[in-house]
Amino acid sequence: MFPGIGGKGVSPKKMKQMMKQMGINIEEIEGVEEVIIRTGDREIFFSDASVTVMDAQGNRSYQVVGTAQERPREVLIPDSDVELVVAQTGCRPEEARAALQESGGDLAEAIVKLGSG
């Protein structure tokens, strides 16, 4: 399918031209400072990322190359949740926030934890 593959190879210029003929466009995003992938419990981040976008007939794919590092994802606790736990358990706001952090923001688990302690 690609002339030169298996033998001498294909020059990058020729490869880009062939890909363009097939409707595939590749470009690198310049000036990327950081890439973060967030899941429910952690973040995977690349501070030295190189990002390439491939557009193949309207479908865009992103390729991230770099050194991945992981960190746990911080749970943001709304003040309204802290107030609810305080109202239900009679504890101090600091204790309510700590229990919510430990439970990953789960109100019921934080209330049960403080109620049984």
PDB file of N, CA and C in Angstrom:
ATOM      1  N   MET A   1       0.822  -1.194   0.000  1.00  0.00           N
ATOM      2  CA  MET A   1       0.000   0.000   0.000  1.00  0.00           C
ATOM      3  C   MET A   1       0.867   1.260   0.000  1.00  0.00           C
ATOM      4  N   PHE A   2       1.955   1.269   0.784  1.00  0.00           N
ATOM      5  CA  PHE A   2       2.846   2.412   0.814  1.00  0.00           C
ATOM      6  C   PHE A   2       4.135   2.047   0.100  1.00  0.00           C
ATOM      7  N   PRO A   3       4.436   2.707  -1.002  1.00  0.00           N
ATOM      8  CA  PRO A   3       5.680   2.387  -1.697  1.00  0.00           C
ATOM      9  C   PRO A   3       6.880   2.737  -0.837  1.00  0.00           C
ATOM     10  N   GLY A   4       7.846   1.850  -0.843  1.00  0.00           N
ATOM     11  CA  GLY A   4       9.067   2.099  -0.094  1.00  0.00           C
ATOM     12  C   GLY A   4       9.074   1.459   1.273  1.00  0.00           C
ATOM     13  N   ILE A   5       7.913   1.079   1.811  1.00  0.00           N
ATOM     14  CA  ILE A   5       7.877   0.448   3.127  1.00  0.00           C
ATOM     15  C   ILE A   5       8.404  -0.972   2.986  1.00  0.00           C
ATOM     16  N   GLY A   6       9.241  -1.379   3.890  1.00  0.00           N
ATOM     17  CA  GLY A   6       9.858  -2.692   3.820  1.00  0.00           C
ATOM     18  C   GLY A   6      11.190  -2.648   3.113  1.00  0.00           C
ATOM     19  N   GLY A   7      11.479  -1.549   2.522  1.00  0.00           N
ATOM     20  CA  GLY A   7      12.747  -1.398   1.810  1.00  0.00           C
ATOM     21  C   GLY A   7      13.516  -0.236   2.378  1.00  0.00           C
ATOM     22  N   LYS A   8      13.573   0.839   1.628  1.00  0.00           N
ATOM     23  CA  LYS A   8      14.357   2.002   2.027  1.00  0.00           C
ATOM     24  C   LYS A   8      13.601   2.942   2.955  1.00  0.00           C
ATOM     25  N   GLY A   9      12.295   2.787   3.062  1.00  0.00           N
ATOM     26  CA  GLY A   9      11.509   3.686   3.884  1.00  0.00           C
ATOM     27  C   GLY A   9      10.925   4.811   3.066  1.00  0.00           C
ATOM     28  N   VAL A  10      10.072   5.591   3.689  1.00  0.00           N
ATOM     29  CA  VAL A  10       9.398   6.697   3.030  1.00  0.00           C
ATOM     30  C   VAL A  10       9.820   7.982   3.732  1.00  0.00           C
ATOM     31  N   SER A  11      10.135   8.985   2.967  1.00  0.00           N
ATOM     32  CA  SER A  11      10.523  10.266   3.564  1.00  0.00           C
ATOM     33  C   SER A  11       9.313  10.857   4.291  1.00  0.00           C
ATOM     34  N   PRO A  12       9.545  11.613   5.377  1.00  0.00           N
ATOM     35  CA  PRO A  12       8.438  12.235   6.100  1.00  0.00           C
ATOM     36  C   PRO A  12       7.560  13.106   5.201  1.00  0.00           C
ATOM     37  N   LYS A  13       8.171  13.812   4.252  1.00  0.00           N
ATOM     38  CA  LYS A  13       7.418  14.669   3.336  1.00  0.00           C
ATOM     39  C   LYS A  13       6.477  13.823   2.468  1.00  0.00           C
ATOM     40  N   LYS A  14       6.999  12.707   1.945  1.00  0.00           N
ATOM     41  CA  LYS A  14       6.200  11.812   1.103  1.00  0.00           C
ATOM     42  C   LYS A  14       5.074  11.177   1.925  1.00  0.00           C
ATOM     43  N   MET A  15       5.377  10.776   3.160  1.00  0.00           N
ATOM     44  CA  MET A  15       4.370  10.166   4.035  1.00  0.00           C
ATOM     45  C   MET A  15       3.248  11.164   4.317  1.00  0.00           C
ATOM     46  N   LYS A  16       3.601  12.404   4.596  1.00  0.00           N
ATOM     47  CA  LYS A  16       2.595  13.434   4.869  1.00  0.00           C
ATOM     48  C   LYS A  16       1.710  13.651   3.641  1.00  0.00           C
ATOM     49  N   GLN A  17       2.323  13.638   2.472  1.00  0.00           N
ATOM     50  CA  GLN A  17       1.575  13.816   1.226  1.00  0.00           C
ATOM     51  C   GLN A  17       0.600  12.651   1.016  1.00  0.00           C
ATOM     52  N   MET A  18       1.057  11.422   1.257  1.00  0.00           N
ATOM     53  CA  MET A  18       0.181  10.251   1.092  1.00  0.00           C
ATOM     54  C   MET A  18      -0.976  10.289   2.092  1.00  0.00           C
ATOM     55  N   MET A  19      -0.677  10.695   3.319  1.00  0.00           N
ATOM     56  CA  MET A  19      -1.731  10.766   4.337  1.00  0.00           C
ATOM     57  C   MET A  19      -2.758  11.824   3.961  1.00  0.00           C
ATOM     58  N   LYS A  20      -2.307  12.940   3.433  1.00  0.00           N
ATOM     59  CA  LYS A  20      -3.221  14.003   3.005  1.00  0.00           C
ATOM     60  C   LYS A  20      -4.143  13.498   1.895  1.00  0.00           C
ATOM     61  N   GLN A  21      -3.596  12.690   0.964  1.00  0.00           N
ATOM     62  CA  GLN A  21      -4.408  12.113  -0.108  1.00  0.00           C
ATOM     63  C   GLN A  21      -5.486  11.188   0.445  1.00  0.00           C
ATOM     64  N   MET A  22      -5.199  10.542   1.575  1.00  0.00           N
ATOM     65  CA  MET A  22      -6.184   9.643   2.203  1.00  0.00           C
ATOM     66  C   MET A  22      -7.131  10.387   3.143  1.00  0.00           C
ATOM     67  N   GLY A  23      -7.001  11.700   3.219  1.00  0.00           N
ATOM     68  CA  GLY A  23      -7.891  12.491   4.076  1.00  0.00           C
ATOM     69  C   GLY A  23      -7.452  12.554   5.521  1.00  0.00           C
ATOM     70  N   ILE A  24      -6.167  12.311   5.776  1.00  0.00           N
ATOM     71  CA  ILE A  24      -5.636  12.344   7.137  1.00  0.00           C
ATOM     72  C   ILE A  24      -4.711  13.548   7.275  1.00  0.00           C
ATOM     73  N   ASN A  25      -4.977  14.378   8.280  1.00  0.00           N
ATOM     74  CA  ASN A  25      -4.153  15.554   8.529  1.00  0.00           C
ATOM     75  C   ASN A  25      -3.596  15.462   9.946  1.00  0.00           C
ATOM     76  N   ILE A  26      -2.295  15.644  10.105  1.00  0.00           N
ATOM     77  CA  ILE A  26      -1.652  15.585  11.417  1.00  0.00           C
ATOM     78  C   ILE A  26      -0.954  16.904  11.682  1.00  0.00           C
ATOM     79  N   GLU A  27      -1.176  17.445  12.894  1.00  0.00           N
ATOM     80  CA  GLU A  27      -0.477  18.666  13.281  1.00  0.00           C
ATOM     81  C   GLU A  27      -0.176  18.628  14.770  1.00  0.00           C
ATOM     82  N   GLU A  28       0.916  19.270  15.141  1.00  0.00           N
ATOM     83  CA  GLU A  28       1.301  19.334  16.550  1.00  0.00           C
ATOM     84  C   GLU A  28       0.774  20.624  17.151  1.00  0.00           C
ATOM     85  N   ILE A  29       0.249  20.534  18.374  1.00  0.00           N
ATOM     86  CA  ILE A  29      -0.226  21.719  19.081  1.00  0.00           C
ATOM     87  C   ILE A  29       0.985  22.365  19.751  1.00  0.00           C
ATOM     88  N   GLU A  30       1.238  23.608  19.420  1.00  0.00           N
ATOM     89  CA  GLU A  30       2.399  24.329  19.949  1.00  0.00           C
ATOM     90  C   GLU A  30       2.072  24.962  21.302  1.00  0.00           C
ATOM     91  N   GLY A  31       3.069  25.084  22.140  1.00  0.00           N
ATOM     92  CA  GLY A  31       2.934  25.811  23.404  1.00  0.00           C
ATOM     93  C   GLY A  31       2.166  25.087  24.493  1.00  0.00           C
ATOM     94  N   VAL A  32       2.067  23.763  24.429  1.00  0.00           N
ATOM     95  CA  VAL A  32       1.343  23.009  25.464  1.00  0.00           C
ATOM     96  C   VAL A  32       2.112  23.122  26.775  1.00  0.00           C
ATOM     97  N   GLU A  33       1.431  23.549  27.831  1.00  0.00           N
ATOM     98  CA  GLU A  33       2.065  23.699  29.133  1.00  0.00           C
ATOM     99  C   GLU A  33       1.846  22.483  30.017  1.00  0.00           C
ATOM    100  N   GLU A  34       0.637  21.907  29.969  1.00  0.00           N
ATOM    101  CA  GLU A  34       0.316  20.770  30.819  1.00  0.00           C
ATOM    102  C   GLU A  34      -0.911  20.059  30.269  1.00  0.00           C
ATOM    103  N   VAL A  35      -0.939  18.733  30.422  1.00  0.00           N
ATOM    104  CA  VAL A  35      -2.104  17.934  30.050  1.00  0.00           C
ATOM    105  C   VAL A  35      -2.520  17.168  31.296  1.00  0.00           C
ATOM    106  N   ILE A  36      -3.816  17.204  31.638  1.00  0.00           N
ATOM    107  CA  ILE A  36      -4.327  16.510  32.817  1.00  0.00           C
ATOM    108  C   ILE A  36      -5.465  15.593  32.401  1.00  0.00           C
ATOM    109  N   ILE A  37      -5.373  14.335  32.840  1.00  0.00           N
ATOM    110  CA  ILE A  37      -6.461  13.371  32.652  1.00  0.00           C
ATOM    111  C   ILE A  37      -7.039  13.117  34.033  1.00  0.00           C
ATOM    112  N   ARG A  38      -8.326  13.424  34.230  1.00  0.00           N
ATOM    113  CA  ARG A  38      -8.957  13.265  35.540  1.00  0.00           C
ATOM    114  C   ARG A  38      -9.891  12.061  35.537  1.00  0.00           C
ATOM    115  N   THR A  39      -9.745  11.236  36.560  1.00  0.00           N
ATOM    116  CA  THR A  39     -10.680  10.142  36.789  1.00  0.00           C
ATOM    117  C   THR A  39     -11.366  10.441  38.122  1.00  0.00           C
ATOM    118  N   GLY A  40     -12.210   9.553  38.568  1.00  0.00           N
ATOM    119  CA  GLY A  40     -12.929   9.783  39.820  1.00  0.00           C
ATOM    120  C   GLY A  40     -12.037   9.947  41.034  1.00  0.00           C
ATOM    121  N   ASP A  41     -10.908   9.248  41.070  1.00  0.00           N
ATOM    122  CA  ASP A  41     -10.084   9.272  42.272  1.00  0.00           C
ATOM    123  C   ASP A  41      -8.642   9.736  42.077  1.00  0.00           C
ATOM    124  N   ARG A  42      -8.237  10.023  40.833  1.00  0.00           N
ATOM    125  CA  ARG A  42      -6.854  10.438  40.614  1.00  0.00           C
ATOM    126  C   ARG A  42      -6.731  11.316  39.385  1.00  0.00           C
ATOM    127  N   GLU A  43      -5.574  11.963  39.287  1.00  0.00           N
ATOM    128  CA  GLU A  43      -5.233  12.762  38.122  1.00  0.00           C
ATOM    129  C   GLU A  43      -3.913  12.241  37.562  1.00  0.00           C
ATOM    130  N   ILE A  44      -3.863  12.112  36.254  1.00  0.00           N
ATOM    131  CA  ILE A  44      -2.636  11.762  35.559  1.00  0.00           C
ATOM    132  C   ILE A  44      -2.243  13.020  34.797  1.00  0.00           C
ATOM    133  N   PHE A  45      -1.054  13.538  35.078  1.00  0.00           N
ATOM    134  CA  PHE A  45      -0.681  14.787  34.424  1.00  0.00           C
ATOM    135  C   PHE A  45       0.690  14.693  33.764  1.00  0.00           C
ATOM    136  N   PHE A  46       0.820  15.466  32.708  1.00  0.00           N
ATOM    137  CA  PHE A  46       2.048  15.548  31.918  1.00  0.00           C
ATOM    138  C   PHE A  46       2.457  17.012  31.898  1.00  0.00           C
ATOM    139  N   SER A  47       3.587  17.337  32.507  1.00  0.00           N
ATOM    140  CA  SER A  47       4.035  18.735  32.487  1.00  0.00           C
ATOM    141  C   SER A  47       4.988  18.992  31.322  1.00  0.00           C
ATOM    142  N   ASP A  48       5.449  17.914  30.679  1.00  0.00           N
ATOM    143  CA  ASP A  48       6.364  18.048  29.540  1.00  0.00           C
ATOM    144  C   ASP A  48       5.737  17.466  28.266  1.00  0.00           C
ATOM    145  N   ALA A  49       4.441  17.650  28.112  1.00  0.00           N
ATOM    146  CA  ALA A  49       3.694  16.974  27.049  1.00  0.00           C
ATOM    147  C   ALA A  49       3.936  17.544  25.664  1.00  0.00           C
ATOM    148  N   SER A  50       3.926  16.635  24.709  1.00  0.00           N
ATOM    149  CA  SER A  50       3.898  16.972  23.299  1.00  0.00           C
ATOM    150  C   SER A  50       2.582  16.399  22.783  1.00  0.00           C
ATOM    151  N   VAL A  51       1.731  17.241  22.205  1.00  0.00           N
ATOM    152  CA  VAL A  51       0.404  16.805  21.787  1.00  0.00           C
ATOM    153  C   VAL A  51       0.267  16.933  20.278  1.00  0.00           C
ATOM    154  N   THR A  52      -0.161  15.834  19.656  1.00  0.00           N
ATOM    155  CA  THR A  52      -0.383  15.788  18.216  1.00  0.00           C
ATOM    156  C   THR A  52      -1.852  15.499  17.961  1.00  0.00           C
ATOM    157  N   VAL A  53      -2.438  16.223  17.004  1.00  0.00           N
ATOM    158  CA  VAL A  53      -3.831  16.019  16.631  1.00  0.00           C
ATOM    159  C   VAL A  53      -3.867  15.371  15.253  1.00  0.00           C
ATOM    160  N   MET A  54      -4.617  14.277  15.143  1.00  0.00           N
ATOM    161  CA  MET A  54      -4.797  13.627  13.849  1.00  0.00           C
ATOM    162  C   MET A  54      -6.271  13.732  13.478  1.00  0.00           C
ATOM    163  N   ASP A  55      -6.531  14.358  12.346  1.00  0.00           N
ATOM    164  CA  ASP A  55      -7.896  14.510  11.835  1.00  0.00           C
ATOM    165  C   ASP A  55      -8.036  13.581  10.638  1.00  0.00           C
ATOM    166  N   ALA A  56      -8.825  12.538  10.805  1.00  0.00           N
ATOM    167  CA  ALA A  56      -9.051  11.568   9.725  1.00  0.00           C
ATOM    168  C   ALA A  56     -10.520  11.626   9.338  1.00  0.00           C
ATOM    169  N   GLN A  57     -10.813  12.349   8.292  1.00  0.00           N
ATOM    170  CA  GLN A  57     -12.159  12.490   7.743  1.00  0.00           C
ATOM    171  C   GLN A  57     -13.166  12.921   8.810  1.00  0.00           C
ATOM    172  N   GLY A  58     -12.798  13.941   9.581  1.00  0.00           N
ATOM    173  CA  GLY A  58     -13.702  14.512  10.563  1.00  0.00           C
ATOM    174  C   GLY A  58     -13.585  13.928  11.960  1.00  0.00           C
ATOM    175  N   ASN A  59     -12.886  12.828  12.127  1.00  0.00           N
ATOM    176  CA  ASN A  59     -12.673  12.240  13.448  1.00  0.00           C
ATOM    177  C   ASN A  59     -11.318  12.692  13.966  1.00  0.00           C
ATOM    178  N   ARG A  60     -11.346  13.389  15.119  1.00  0.00           N
ATOM    179  CA  ARG A  60     -10.093  13.913  15.681  1.00  0.00           C
ATOM    180  C   ARG A  60      -9.599  13.013  16.803  1.00  0.00           C
ATOM    181  N   SER A  61      -8.304  12.688  16.753  1.00  0.00           N
ATOM    182  CA  SER A  61      -7.639  11.911  17.797  1.00  0.00           C
ATOM    183  C   SER A  61      -6.479  12.729  18.324  1.00  0.00           C
ATOM    184  N   TYR A  62      -6.262  12.646  19.631  1.00  0.00           N
ATOM    185  CA  TYR A  62      -5.165  13.375  20.260  1.00  0.00           C
ATOM    186  C   TYR A  62      -4.163  12.368  20.812  1.00  0.00           C
ATOM    187  N   GLN A  63      -2.906  12.584  20.517  1.00  0.00           N
ATOM    188  CA  GLN A  63      -1.839  11.738  21.031  1.00  0.00           C
ATOM    189  C   GLN A  63      -0.996  12.576  21.973  1.00  0.00           C
ATOM    190  N   VAL A  64      -0.823  12.081  23.211  1.00  0.00           N
ATOM    191  CA  VAL A  64      -0.039  12.780  24.223  1.00  0.00           C
ATOM    192  C   VAL A  64       1.225  11.962  24.483  1.00  0.00           C
ATOM    193  N   VAL A  65       2.370  12.613  24.356  1.00  0.00           N
ATOM    194  CA  VAL A  65       3.642  11.959  24.621  1.00  0.00           C
ATOM    195  C   VAL A  65       4.361  12.780  25.679  1.00  0.00           C
ATOM    196  N   GLY A  66       4.845  12.109  26.724  1.00  0.00           N
ATOM    197  CA  GLY A  66       5.568  12.791  27.784  1.00  0.00           C
ATOM    198  C   GLY A  66       5.702  11.887  28.984  1.00  0.00           C
ATOM    199  N   THR A  67       6.173  12.457  30.080  1.00  0.00           N
ATOM    200  CA  THR A  67       6.351  11.702  31.317  1.00  0.00           C
ATOM    201  C   THR A  67       5.105  11.865  32.177  1.00  0.00           C
ATOM    202  N   ALA A  68       4.402  10.746  32.408  1.00  0.00           N
ATOM    203  CA  ALA A  68       3.171  10.780  33.199  1.00  0.00           C
ATOM    204  C   ALA A  68       3.494  10.729  34.683  1.00  0.00           C
ATOM    205  N   GLN A  69       2.764  11.530  35.439  1.00  0.00           N
ATOM    206  CA  GLN A  69       2.840  11.504  36.902  1.00  0.00           C
ATOM    207  C   GLN A  69       1.416  11.410  37.424  1.00  0.00           C
ATOM    208  N   GLU A  70       1.248  10.748  38.569  1.00  0.00           N
ATOM    209  CA  GLU A  70      -0.087  10.595  39.147  1.00  0.00           C
ATOM    210  C   GLU A  70      -0.152  11.252  40.506  1.00  0.00           C
ATOM    211  N   ARG A  71      -1.339  11.737  40.826  1.00  0.00           N
ATOM    212  CA  ARG A  71      -1.609  12.267  42.155  1.00  0.00           C
ATOM    213  C   ARG A  71      -3.063  11.964  42.484  1.00  0.00           C
ATOM    214  N   PRO A  72      -3.383  11.786  43.761  1.00  0.00           N
ATOM    215  CA  PRO A  72      -4.786  11.567  44.115  1.00  0.00           C
ATOM    216  C   PRO A  72      -5.594  12.825  43.821  1.00  0.00           C
ATOM    217  N   ARG A  73      -6.824  12.634  43.458  1.00  0.00           N
ATOM    218  CA  ARG A  73      -7.674  13.778  43.143  1.00  0.00           C
ATOM    219  C   ARG A  73      -8.279  14.327  44.425  1.00  0.00           C
ATOM    220  N   GLU A  74      -8.140  15.613  44.607  1.00  0.00           N
ATOM    221  CA  GLU A  74      -8.673  16.265  45.796  1.00  0.00           C
ATOM    222  C   GLU A  74     -10.189  16.386  45.673  1.00  0.00           C
ATOM    223  N   VAL A  75     -10.862  15.987  46.743  1.00  0.00           N
ATOM    224  CA  VAL A  75     -12.321  16.080  46.759  1.00  0.00           C
ATOM    225  C   VAL A  75     -12.707  17.460  47.264  1.00  0.00           C
ATOM    226  N   LEU A  76     -13.507  18.181  46.480  1.00  0.00           N
ATOM    227  CA  LEU A  76     -13.976  19.501  46.889  1.00  0.00           C
ATOM    228  C   LEU A  76     -15.266  19.327  47.688  1.00  0.00           C
ATOM    229  N   ILE A  77     -15.270  19.840  48.900  1.00  0.00           N
ATOM    230  CA  ILE A  77     -16.423  19.695  49.793  1.00  0.00           C
ATOM    231  C   ILE A  77     -17.156  21.032  49.873  1.00  0.00           C
ATOM    232  N   PRO A  78     -18.401  21.086  49.375  1.00  0.00           N
ATOM    233  CA  PRO A  78     -19.172  22.338  49.461  1.00  0.00           C
ATOM    234  C   PRO A  78     -19.522  22.669  50.918  1.00  0.00           C
ATOM    235  N   ASP A  79     -19.581  23.954  51.228  1.00  0.00           N
ATOM    236  CA  ASP A  79     -19.937  24.396  52.583  1.00  0.00           C
ATOM    237  C   ASP A  79     -21.315  23.884  52.984  1.00  0.00           C
ATOM    238  N   SER A  80     -22.231  23.761  52.015  1.00  0.00           N
ATOM    239  CA  SER A  80     -23.575  23.273  52.332  1.00  0.00           C
ATOM    240  C   SER A  80     -23.535  21.830  52.858  1.00  0.00           C
ATOM    241  N   ASP A  81     -22.594  21.019  52.344  1.00  0.00           N
ATOM    242  CA  ASP A  81     -22.449  19.644  52.840  1.00  0.00           C
ATOM    243  C   ASP A  81     -21.920  19.649  54.270  1.00  0.00           C
ATOM    244  N   VAL A  82     -20.971  20.535  54.550  1.00  0.00           N
ATOM    245  CA  VAL A  82     -20.422  20.641  55.904  1.00  0.00           C
ATOM    246  C   VAL A  82     -21.538  21.042  56.868  1.00  0.00           C
ATOM    247  N   GLU A  83     -22.351  22.037  56.469  1.00  0.00           N
ATOM    248  CA  GLU A  83     -23.452  22.500  57.324  1.00  0.00           C
ATOM    249  C   GLU A  83     -24.467  21.390  57.580  1.00  0.00           C
ATOM    250  N   LEU A  84     -24.745  20.578  56.584  1.00  0.00           N
ATOM    251  CA  LEU A  84     -25.688  19.476  56.746  1.00  0.00           C
ATOM    252  C   LEU A  84     -25.159  18.441  57.737  1.00  0.00           C
ATOM    253  N   VAL A  85     -23.882  18.090  57.628  1.00  0.00           N
ATOM    254  CA  VAL A  85     -23.291  17.114  58.555  1.00  0.00           C
ATOM    255  C   VAL A  85     -23.281  17.674  59.968  1.00  0.00           C
ATOM    256  N   VAL A  86     -22.966  18.955  60.129  1.00  0.00           N
ATOM    257  CA  VAL A  86     -22.980  19.602  61.452  1.00  0.00           C
ATOM    258  C   VAL A  86     -24.389  19.548  62.033  1.00  0.00           C
ATOM    259  N   ALA A  87     -25.397  19.872  61.225  1.00  0.00           N
ATOM    260  CA  ALA A  87     -26.787  19.856  61.695  1.00  0.00           C
ATOM    261  C   ALA A  87     -27.240  18.455  62.101  1.00  0.00           C
ATOM    262  N   GLN A  88     -26.787  17.435  61.373  1.00  0.00           N
ATOM    263  CA  GLN A  88     -27.205  16.058  61.652  1.00  0.00           C
ATOM    264  C   GLN A  88     -26.469  15.438  62.837  1.00  0.00           C
ATOM    265  N   THR A  89     -25.230  15.867  63.080  1.00  0.00           N
ATOM    266  CA  THR A  89     -24.415  15.201  64.102  1.00  0.00           C
ATOM    267  C   THR A  89     -24.087  16.073  65.302  1.00  0.00           C
ATOM    268  N   GLY A  90     -24.187  17.392  65.148  1.00  0.00           N
ATOM    269  CA  GLY A  90     -23.840  18.290  66.243  1.00  0.00           C
ATOM    270  C   GLY A  90     -22.339  18.476  66.425  1.00  0.00           C
ATOM    271  N   CYS A  91     -21.549  18.026  65.483  1.00  0.00           N
ATOM    272  CA  CYS A  91     -20.085  18.164  65.580  1.00  0.00           C
ATOM    273  C   CYS A  91     -19.658  19.561  65.137  1.00  0.00           C
ATOM    274  N   ARG A  92     -18.380  19.843  65.293  1.00  0.00           N
ATOM    275  CA  ARG A  92     -17.812  21.112  64.830  1.00  0.00           C
ATOM    276  C   ARG A  92     -17.625  21.058  63.308  1.00  0.00           C
ATOM    277  N   PRO A  93     -17.655  22.215  62.632  1.00  0.00           N
ATOM    278  CA  PRO A  93     -17.470  22.243  61.176  1.00  0.00           C
ATOM    279  C   PRO A  93     -16.154  21.599  60.715  1.00  0.00           C
ATOM    280  N   GLU A  94     -15.081  21.771  61.488  1.00  0.00           N
ATOM    281  CA  GLU A  94     -13.790  21.176  61.121  1.00  0.00           C
ATOM    282  C   GLU A  94     -13.882  19.655  61.105  1.00  0.00           C
ATOM    283  N   GLU A  95     -14.595  19.094  62.100  1.00  0.00           N
ATOM    284  CA  GLU A  95     -14.762  17.634  62.168  1.00  0.00           C
ATOM    285  C   GLU A  95     -15.613  17.142  60.997  1.00  0.00           C
ATOM    286  N   ALA A  96     -16.646  17.908  60.668  1.00  0.00           N
ATOM    287  CA  ALA A  96     -17.524  17.536  59.558  1.00  0.00           C
ATOM    288  C   ALA A  96     -16.755  17.534  58.243  1.00  0.00           C
ATOM    289  N   ARG A  97     -15.943  18.563  58.019  1.00  0.00           N
ATOM    290  CA  ARG A  97     -15.149  18.640  56.780  1.00  0.00           C
ATOM    291  C   ARG A  97     -14.150  17.484  56.699  1.00  0.00           C
ATOM    292  N   ALA A  98     -13.497  17.169  57.825  1.00  0.00           N
ATOM    293  CA  ALA A  98     -12.535  16.062  57.844  1.00  0.00           C
ATOM    294  C   ALA A  98     -13.222  14.730  57.536  1.00  0.00           C
ATOM    295  N   ALA A  99     -14.404  14.516  58.120  1.00  0.00           N
ATOM    296  CA  ALA A  99     -15.148  13.272  57.869  1.00  0.00           C
ATOM    297  C   ALA A  99     -15.584  13.194  56.409  1.00  0.00           C
ATOM    298  N   LEU A 100     -15.992  14.312  55.845  1.00  0.00           N
ATOM    299  CA  LEU A 100     -16.374  14.333  54.431  1.00  0.00           C
ATOM    300  C   LEU A 100     -15.172  14.066  53.527  1.00  0.00           C
ATOM    301  N   GLN A 101     -14.019  14.624  53.877  1.00  0.00           N
ATOM    302  CA  GLN A 101     -12.804  14.356  53.092  1.00  0.00           C
ATOM    303  C   GLN A 101     -12.465  12.868  53.137  1.00  0.00           C
ATOM    304  N   GLU A 102     -12.517  12.274  54.340  1.00  0.00           N
ATOM    305  CA  GLU A 102     -12.208  10.845  54.509  1.00  0.00           C
ATOM    306  C   GLU A 102     -13.167   9.957  53.725  1.00  0.00           C
ATOM    307  N   SER A 103     -14.415  10.374  53.638  1.00  0.00           N
ATOM    308  CA  SER A 103     -15.425   9.557  52.966  1.00  0.00           C
ATOM    309  C   SER A 103     -15.545   9.881  51.480  1.00  0.00           C
ATOM    310  N   GLY A 104     -14.660  10.730  50.979  1.00  0.00           N
ATOM    311  CA  GLY A 104     -14.700  11.078  49.562  1.00  0.00           C
ATOM    312  C   GLY A 104     -15.905  11.918  49.189  1.00  0.00           C
ATOM    313  N   GLY A 105     -16.445  12.660  50.168  1.00  0.00           N
ATOM    314  CA  GLY A 105     -17.597  13.524  49.911  1.00  0.00           C
ATOM    315  C   GLY A 105     -18.936  12.851  50.126  1.00  0.00           C
ATOM    316  N   ASP A 106     -18.935  11.597  50.591  1.00  0.00           N
ATOM    317  CA  ASP A 106     -20.180  10.849  50.812  1.00  0.00           C
ATOM    318  C   ASP A 106     -20.831  11.328  52.106  1.00  0.00           C
ATOM    319  N   LEU A 107     -21.969  12.032  51.983  1.00  0.00           N
ATOM    320  CA  LEU A 107     -22.652  12.607  53.137  1.00  0.00           C
ATOM    321  C   LEU A 107     -23.084  11.549  54.146  1.00  0.00           C
ATOM    322  N   ALA A 108     -23.742  10.507  53.663  1.00  0.00           N
ATOM    323  CA  ALA A 108     -24.260   9.467  54.562  1.00  0.00           C
ATOM    324  C   ALA A 108     -23.119   8.811  55.344  1.00  0.00           C
ATOM    325  N   GLU A 109     -22.039   8.485  54.664  1.00  0.00           N
ATOM    326  CA  GLU A 109     -20.903   7.833  55.325  1.00  0.00           C
ATOM    327  C   GLU A 109     -20.292   8.756  56.388  1.00  0.00           C
ATOM    328  N   ALA A 110     -20.175  10.043  56.096  1.00  0.00           N
ATOM    329  CA  ALA A 110     -19.616  11.000  57.046  1.00  0.00           C
ATOM    330  C   ALA A 110     -20.516  11.134  58.269  1.00  0.00           C
ATOM    331  N   ILE A 111     -21.821  11.176  58.068  1.00  0.00           N
ATOM    332  CA  ILE A 111     -22.777  11.300  59.182  1.00  0.00           C
ATOM    333  C   ILE A 111     -22.725  10.054  60.056  1.00  0.00           C
ATOM    334  N   VAL A 112     -22.723   8.876  59.431  1.00  0.00           N
ATOM    335  CA  VAL A 112     -22.658   7.627  60.202  1.00  0.00           C
ATOM    336  C   VAL A 112     -21.342   7.559  60.978  1.00  0.00           C
ATOM    337  N   LYS A 113     -20.252   7.934  60.361  1.00  0.00           N
ATOM    338  CA  LYS A 113     -18.939   7.904  61.009  1.00  0.00           C
ATOM    339  C   LYS A 113     -18.925   8.800  62.241  1.00  0.00           C
ATOM    340  N   LEU A 114     -19.431  10.007  62.099  1.00  0.00           N
ATOM    341  CA  LEU A 114     -19.433  10.953  63.228  1.00  0.00           C
ATOM    342  C   LEU A 114     -20.484  10.581  64.278  1.00  0.00           C
ATOM    343  N   GLY A 115     -21.576   9.998  63.841  1.00  0.00           N
ATOM    344  CA  GLY A 115     -22.634   9.600  64.767  1.00  0.00           C
ATOM    345  C   GLY A 115     -22.248   8.423  65.633  1.00  0.00           C
ATOM    346  N   SER A 116     -21.372   7.565  65.121  1.00  0.00           N
ATOM    347  CA  SER A 116     -20.973   6.382  65.878  1.00  0.00           C
ATOM    348  C   SER A 116     -19.724   6.634  66.724  1.00  0.00           C
ATOM    349  N   GLY A 117     -19.105   7.789  66.553  1.00  0.00           N
ATOM    350  CA  GLY A 117     -17.853   8.091  67.244  1.00  0.00           C
ATOM    351  C   GLY A 117     -18.053   8.822  68.475  1.00  0.00           C
TER     352      GLY A 117
END
